[in-house]
Amino acid sequence: MIVANDYKNISRKRHIAYIVTSDSNIFKPLKGKTEIAKNIISCLENTLR
């Protein structure tokens, strides 16, 4: 899993990131630290099952 973001899309009020899985699946743009964190956890849980 790779969490990718562009420094231009990060500020105090905004953070956009993308998750790329080992099978080259790319998640929709994730907006905000909470959404990013929840999706990282979900992805890890699915991988560990």
C-alpha atoms as a PDB file:
ATOM      1  CA  MET A   1       0.000   0.000   0.000  1.00  0.00           C
ATOM      2  CA  ILE A   2       1.210   3.462  -0.877  1.00  0.00           C
ATOM      3  CA  VAL A   3      -0.320   6.675   0.426  1.00  0.00           C
ATOM      4  CA  ALA A   4       0.456   9.425  -2.054  1.00  0.00           C
ATOM      5  CA  ASN A   5      -0.180  13.133  -1.887  1.00  0.00           C
ATOM      6  CA  ASP A   6       0.971  16.294  -3.573  1.00  0.00           C
ATOM      7  CA  TYR A   7       2.501  18.932  -1.335  1.00  0.00           C
ATOM      8  CA  LYS A   8       0.474  21.561  -3.250  1.00  0.00           C
ATOM      9  CA  ASN A   9      -2.712  19.928  -1.915  1.00  0.00           C
ATOM     10  CA  ILE A  10      -1.712  20.073   1.747  1.00  0.00           C
ATOM     11  CA  SER A  11      -2.435  23.004   4.019  1.00  0.00           C
ATOM     12  CA  ARG A  12      -3.802  23.582   7.509  1.00  0.00           C
ATOM     13  CA  LYS A  13      -7.350  23.381   6.165  1.00  0.00           C
ATOM     14  CA  ARG A  14      -6.940  20.917   3.299  1.00  0.00           C
ATOM     15  CA  HIS A  15      -5.227  17.575   2.725  1.00  0.00           C
ATOM     16  CA  ILE A  16      -5.922  15.364  -0.276  1.00  0.00           C
ATOM     17  CA  ALA A  17      -4.313  11.936  -0.625  1.00  0.00           C
ATOM     18  CA  TYR A  18      -4.605   8.763  -2.699  1.00  0.00           C
ATOM     19  CA  ILE A  19      -4.130   5.150  -1.626  1.00  0.00           C
ATOM     20  CA  VAL A  20      -2.628   2.728  -4.138  1.00  0.00           C
ATOM     21  CA  THR A  21      -2.896  -0.949  -3.208  1.00  0.00           C
ATOM     22  CA  SER A  22      -0.516  -3.766  -4.133  1.00  0.00           C
ATOM     23  CA  ASP A  23      -2.883  -4.844  -6.930  1.00  0.00           C
ATOM     24  CA  SER A  24      -2.675  -1.314  -8.447  1.00  0.00           C
ATOM     25  CA  ASN A  25      -6.131  -0.310  -7.210  1.00  0.00           C
ATOM     26  CA  ILE A  26      -6.329   3.457  -6.713  1.00  0.00           C
ATOM     27  CA  PHE A  27      -8.824   4.800  -4.177  1.00  0.00           C
ATOM     28  CA  LYS A  28     -10.851   7.905  -4.990  1.00  0.00           C
ATOM     29  CA  PRO A  29      -9.228  11.132  -3.733  1.00  0.00           C
ATOM     30  CA  LEU A  30      -9.399  11.135   0.057  1.00  0.00           C
ATOM     31  CA  LYS A  31     -10.095  14.508   1.616  1.00  0.00           C
ATOM     32  CA  GLY A  32      -9.070  15.366   5.143  1.00  0.00           C
ATOM     33  CA  LYS A  33      -6.878  13.666   7.690  1.00  0.00           C
ATOM     34  CA  THR A  34      -9.765  11.732   9.255  1.00  0.00           C
ATOM     35  CA  GLU A  35     -10.931  10.244   5.946  1.00  0.00           C
ATOM     36  CA  ILE A  36      -7.341   9.382   5.012  1.00  0.00           C
ATOM     37  CA  ALA A  37      -6.717   7.672   8.371  1.00  0.00           C
ATOM     38  CA  LYS A  38      -9.994   5.705   8.250  1.00  0.00           C
ATOM     39  CA  ASN A  39      -9.212   4.430   4.761  1.00  0.00           C
ATOM     40  CA  ILE A  40      -5.663   3.434   5.709  1.00  0.00           C
ATOM     41  CA  ILE A  41      -7.033   1.409   8.637  1.00  0.00           C
ATOM     42  CA  SER A  42      -9.731  -0.167   6.458  1.00  0.00           C
ATOM     43  CA  CYS A  43      -7.202  -1.102   3.789  1.00  0.00           C
ATOM     44  CA  LEU A  44      -4.854  -2.636   6.374  1.00  0.00           C
ATOM     45  CA  GLU A  45      -7.712  -4.601   7.978  1.00  0.00           C
ATOM     46  CA  ASN A  46      -8.716  -6.016   4.587  1.00  0.00           C
ATOM     47  CA  THR A  47      -5.120  -6.945   3.806  1.00  0.00           C
ATOM     48  CA  LEU A  48      -4.650  -8.756   7.118  1.00  0.00           C
ATOM     49  CA  ARG A  49      -7.805 -10.898   6.749  1.00  0.00           C
END
